[in-house]
Amino acid sequence: MEQQLEEVVKHFSLNIDEDAILSRCTICNSPVIPVARENVKNDVPEHIWKHHHIFHRCPRCGRVYWMGSHVEDMVKRIQRLTSH
């Protein structure tokens, strides 16, 4: 799949902005906004709340986001795609 993504990026000369990719809700595509950590305590698993300090929420659907390992993996994949 990564090779296919690379081909699409090259074919359409896409300029991928990592910050823009991580700025929208994966459910409804609305821009997410930073929220105070205290405001998500009841909305995320306890271990997430204990280990993370920066959270974002979608104002449209309410989904909460944090910078977990999946985000690091995604950024690495994007960097590989754009480095060719």
N, C-alpha and C. Protein backbone atom coordinates (compact mmCIF):
# COMPACT_ATOMS: atom_id res chain seq x y z
N MET A 1 0.81 -1.19 0.00
CA MET A 1 0.00 0.00 0.00
C MET A 1 0.86 1.26 0.00
N GLU A 2 1.97 1.21 0.70
CA GLU A 2 2.83 2.39 0.76
C GLU A 2 3.35 2.76 -0.63
N GLN A 3 3.64 1.76 -1.44
CA GLN A 3 4.10 2.03 -2.80
C GLN A 3 3.01 2.71 -3.61
N GLN A 4 1.77 2.29 -3.43
CA GLN A 4 0.66 2.92 -4.14
C GLN A 4 0.51 4.38 -3.71
N LEU A 5 0.63 4.63 -2.42
CA LEU A 5 0.56 6.01 -1.94
C LEU A 5 1.67 6.86 -2.54
N GLU A 6 2.85 6.29 -2.61
CA GLU A 6 3.98 7.01 -3.20
C GLU A 6 3.70 7.36 -4.65
N GLU A 7 3.12 6.42 -5.39
CA GLU A 7 2.79 6.67 -6.79
C GLU A 7 1.75 7.78 -6.94
N VAL A 8 0.75 7.78 -6.08
CA VAL A 8 -0.28 8.82 -6.13
C VAL A 8 0.33 10.19 -5.82
N VAL A 9 1.17 10.24 -4.79
CA VAL A 9 1.83 11.50 -4.42
C VAL A 9 2.65 12.03 -5.58
N LYS A 10 3.41 11.16 -6.21
CA LYS A 10 4.25 11.59 -7.35
C LYS A 10 3.40 11.99 -8.55
N HIS A 11 2.42 11.17 -8.88
CA HIS A 11 1.61 11.41 -10.07
C HIS A 11 0.89 12.76 -10.02
N PHE A 12 0.34 13.07 -8.86
CA PHE A 12 -0.42 14.31 -8.72
C PHE A 12 0.41 15.45 -8.14
N SER A 13 1.70 15.22 -7.97
CA SER A 13 2.61 16.23 -7.40
C SER A 13 2.03 16.82 -6.11
N LEU A 14 1.61 15.93 -5.23
CA LEU A 14 0.99 16.38 -3.98
C LEU A 14 2.04 16.90 -3.01
N ASN A 15 1.71 17.99 -2.38
CA ASN A 15 2.55 18.57 -1.35
C ASN A 15 1.88 18.26 -0.01
N ILE A 16 2.46 17.37 0.75
CA ILE A 16 1.83 16.91 1.99
C ILE A 16 2.33 17.72 3.17
N ASP A 17 1.41 18.35 3.85
CA ASP A 17 1.71 19.15 5.03
C ASP A 17 1.33 18.33 6.26
N GLU A 18 2.32 17.87 7.02
CA GLU A 18 2.06 17.02 8.18
C GLU A 18 1.11 17.68 9.17
N ASP A 19 1.29 18.96 9.41
CA ASP A 19 0.43 19.66 10.36
C ASP A 19 -1.02 19.68 9.90
N ALA A 20 -1.22 19.86 8.61
CA ALA A 20 -2.58 19.90 8.08
C ALA A 20 -3.25 18.53 8.19
N ILE A 21 -2.49 17.48 7.98
CA ILE A 21 -3.05 16.13 8.06
C ILE A 21 -3.56 15.85 9.46
N LEU A 22 -2.84 16.29 10.44
CA LEU A 22 -3.20 16.00 11.82
C LEU A 22 -4.15 17.04 12.41
N SER A 23 -4.70 17.89 11.59
CA SER A 23 -5.52 18.97 12.11
C SER A 23 -7.02 18.77 11.91
N ARG A 24 -7.40 17.63 11.33
CA ARG A 24 -8.82 17.39 11.05
C ARG A 24 -9.30 16.09 11.68
N CYS A 25 -10.56 16.07 12.00
CA CYS A 25 -11.19 14.89 12.59
C CYS A 25 -11.25 13.77 11.56
N THR A 26 -10.90 12.58 11.98
CA THR A 26 -10.94 11.43 11.07
C THR A 26 -12.37 10.92 10.85
N ILE A 27 -13.31 11.40 11.64
CA ILE A 27 -14.70 10.97 11.50
C ILE A 27 -15.49 11.92 10.59
N CYS A 28 -15.42 13.23 10.88
CA CYS A 28 -16.26 14.17 10.14
C CYS A 28 -15.48 15.23 9.37
N ASN A 29 -14.15 15.19 9.44
CA ASN A 29 -13.26 16.09 8.70
C ASN A 29 -13.30 17.54 9.17
N SER A 30 -13.89 17.81 10.30
CA SER A 30 -13.88 19.17 10.84
C SER A 30 -12.51 19.46 11.46
N PRO A 31 -12.09 20.72 11.46
CA PRO A 31 -10.83 21.06 12.12
C PRO A 31 -10.94 20.79 13.63
N VAL A 32 -9.92 20.15 14.19
CA VAL A 32 -9.91 19.91 15.63
C VAL A 32 -9.31 21.11 16.34
N ILE A 33 -9.69 21.28 17.60
CA ILE A 33 -9.20 22.42 18.37
C ILE A 33 -8.54 21.92 19.66
N PRO A 34 -7.52 22.64 20.12
CA PRO A 34 -6.89 22.25 21.39
C PRO A 34 -7.88 22.39 22.54
N VAL A 35 -7.79 21.47 23.49
CA VAL A 35 -8.63 21.54 24.68
C VAL A 35 -7.77 21.32 25.91
N ALA A 36 -8.19 21.89 27.00
CA ALA A 36 -7.47 21.71 28.26
C ALA A 36 -7.54 20.24 28.68
N ARG A 37 -6.45 19.76 29.18
CA ARG A 37 -6.35 18.37 29.61
C ARG A 37 -7.47 18.00 30.58
N GLU A 38 -7.77 18.88 31.49
CA GLU A 38 -8.80 18.62 32.50
C GLU A 38 -10.17 18.38 31.87
N ASN A 39 -10.38 18.96 30.70
CA ASN A 39 -11.68 18.85 30.04
C ASN A 39 -11.91 17.51 29.34
N VAL A 40 -10.89 16.67 29.26
CA VAL A 40 -11.07 15.38 28.59
C VAL A 40 -10.88 14.20 29.53
N LYS A 41 -10.69 14.47 30.80
CA LYS A 41 -10.40 13.40 31.76
C LYS A 41 -11.44 12.28 31.71
N ASN A 42 -12.68 12.62 31.57
CA ASN A 42 -13.74 11.61 31.54
C ASN A 42 -14.01 11.06 30.14
N ASP A 43 -13.28 11.56 29.16
CA ASP A 43 -13.54 11.16 27.77
C ASP A 43 -12.47 10.27 27.17
N VAL A 44 -11.39 10.04 27.90
CA VAL A 44 -10.31 9.19 27.40
C VAL A 44 -9.98 8.13 28.46
N PRO A 45 -9.39 7.02 28.04
CA PRO A 45 -8.99 6.01 29.04
C PRO A 45 -8.02 6.61 30.06
N GLU A 46 -8.09 6.11 31.27
CA GLU A 46 -7.28 6.66 32.36
C GLU A 46 -5.79 6.66 32.05
N HIS A 47 -5.29 5.57 31.46
CA HIS A 47 -3.85 5.51 31.16
C HIS A 47 -3.45 6.55 30.11
N ILE A 48 -4.35 6.89 29.22
CA ILE A 48 -4.07 7.94 28.23
C ILE A 48 -4.00 9.29 28.93
N TRP A 49 -4.95 9.54 29.81
CA TRP A 49 -4.98 10.81 30.52
C TRP A 49 -3.74 10.98 31.39
N LYS A 50 -3.27 9.90 31.98
CA LYS A 50 -2.09 9.98 32.85
C LYS A 50 -0.81 10.24 32.07
N HIS A 51 -0.71 9.72 30.85
CA HIS A 51 0.55 9.79 30.10
C HIS A 51 0.60 10.86 29.02
N HIS A 52 -0.51 11.48 28.73
CA HIS A 52 -0.53 12.52 27.69
C HIS A 52 -1.02 13.83 28.27
N HIS A 53 -0.51 14.92 27.71
CA HIS A 53 -0.85 16.23 28.26
C HIS A 53 -1.46 17.18 27.24
N ILE A 54 -1.37 16.82 25.98
CA ILE A 54 -1.93 17.67 24.92
C ILE A 54 -3.05 16.91 24.23
N PHE A 55 -4.21 17.55 24.20
CA PHE A 55 -5.39 16.93 23.59
C PHE A 55 -6.07 17.91 22.65
N HIS A 56 -6.76 17.35 21.67
CA HIS A 56 -7.57 18.13 20.75
C HIS A 56 -8.94 17.47 20.67
N ARG A 57 -9.95 18.28 20.38
CA ARG A 57 -11.31 17.74 20.27
C ARG A 57 -11.95 18.29 19.00
N CYS A 58 -12.75 17.45 18.41
CA CYS A 58 -13.54 17.90 17.26
C CYS A 58 -14.78 18.60 17.80
N PRO A 59 -14.98 19.86 17.42
CA PRO A 59 -16.15 20.58 17.93
C PRO A 59 -17.46 20.07 17.33
N ARG A 60 -17.37 19.35 16.25
CA ARG A 60 -18.59 18.86 15.59
C ARG A 60 -19.07 17.53 16.17
N CYS A 61 -18.17 16.55 16.25
CA CYS A 61 -18.61 15.22 16.72
C CYS A 61 -18.10 14.87 18.12
N GLY A 62 -17.17 15.68 18.65
CA GLY A 62 -16.71 15.48 20.02
C GLY A 62 -15.57 14.51 20.20
N ARG A 63 -15.09 13.91 19.13
CA ARG A 63 -13.99 12.94 19.24
C ARG A 63 -12.75 13.63 19.80
N VAL A 64 -12.03 12.92 20.68
CA VAL A 64 -10.83 13.47 21.31
C VAL A 64 -9.59 12.82 20.69
N TYR A 65 -8.57 13.64 20.46
CA TYR A 65 -7.32 13.17 19.86
C TYR A 65 -6.14 13.51 20.75
N TRP A 66 -5.11 12.67 20.69
CA TRP A 66 -3.85 12.90 21.39
C TRP A 66 -2.74 12.32 20.54
N MET A 67 -1.51 12.68 20.84
CA MET A 67 -0.36 12.26 20.04
C MET A 67 0.15 10.91 20.53
N GLY A 68 -0.52 9.86 20.12
CA GLY A 68 -0.10 8.51 20.47
C GLY A 68 0.92 7.97 19.50
N SER A 69 1.34 6.75 19.71
CA SER A 69 2.35 6.14 18.85
C SER A 69 1.86 6.00 17.41
N HIS A 70 0.56 5.88 17.21
CA HIS A 70 0.03 5.77 15.85
C HIS A 70 0.30 7.05 15.06
N VAL A 71 0.30 8.18 15.74
CA VAL A 71 0.59 9.45 15.07
C VAL A 71 2.05 9.49 14.65
N GLU A 72 2.93 9.06 15.53
CA GLU A 72 4.36 9.02 15.19
C GLU A 72 4.59 8.13 13.97
N ASP A 73 3.93 6.98 13.93
CA ASP A 73 4.06 6.07 12.79
C ASP A 73 3.54 6.73 11.51
N MET A 74 2.43 7.44 11.61
CA MET A 74 1.86 8.11 10.45
C MET A 74 2.80 9.19 9.93
N VAL A 75 3.38 9.96 10.83
CA VAL A 75 4.30 11.02 10.43
C VAL A 75 5.53 10.42 9.74
N LYS A 76 6.03 9.32 10.25
CA LYS A 76 7.18 8.66 9.62
C LYS A 76 6.84 8.20 8.21
N ARG A 77 5.65 7.65 8.03
CA ARG A 77 5.23 7.21 6.70
C ARG A 77 5.12 8.40 5.75
N ILE A 78 4.58 9.49 6.23
CA ILE A 78 4.44 10.69 5.40
C ILE A 78 5.82 11.21 5.02
N GLN A 79 6.73 11.22 5.97
CA GLN A 79 8.09 11.69 5.69
C GLN A 79 8.76 10.82 4.63
N ARG A 80 8.54 9.51 4.71
CA ARG A 80 9.10 8.61 3.69
C ARG A 80 8.50 8.91 2.32
N LEU A 81 7.20 9.18 2.29
CA LEU A 81 6.54 9.46 1.02
C LEU A 81 7.04 10.75 0.39
N THR A 82 7.29 11.74 1.21
CA THR A 82 7.67 13.04 0.68
C THR A 82 9.16 13.20 0.47
N SER A 83 9.95 12.23 0.91
CA SER A 83 11.40 12.36 0.76
C SER A 83 11.90 11.83 -0.57
N HIS A 84 11.03 11.27 -1.38
CA HIS A 84 11.45 10.70 -2.68
C HIS A 84 11.44 11.74 -3.76
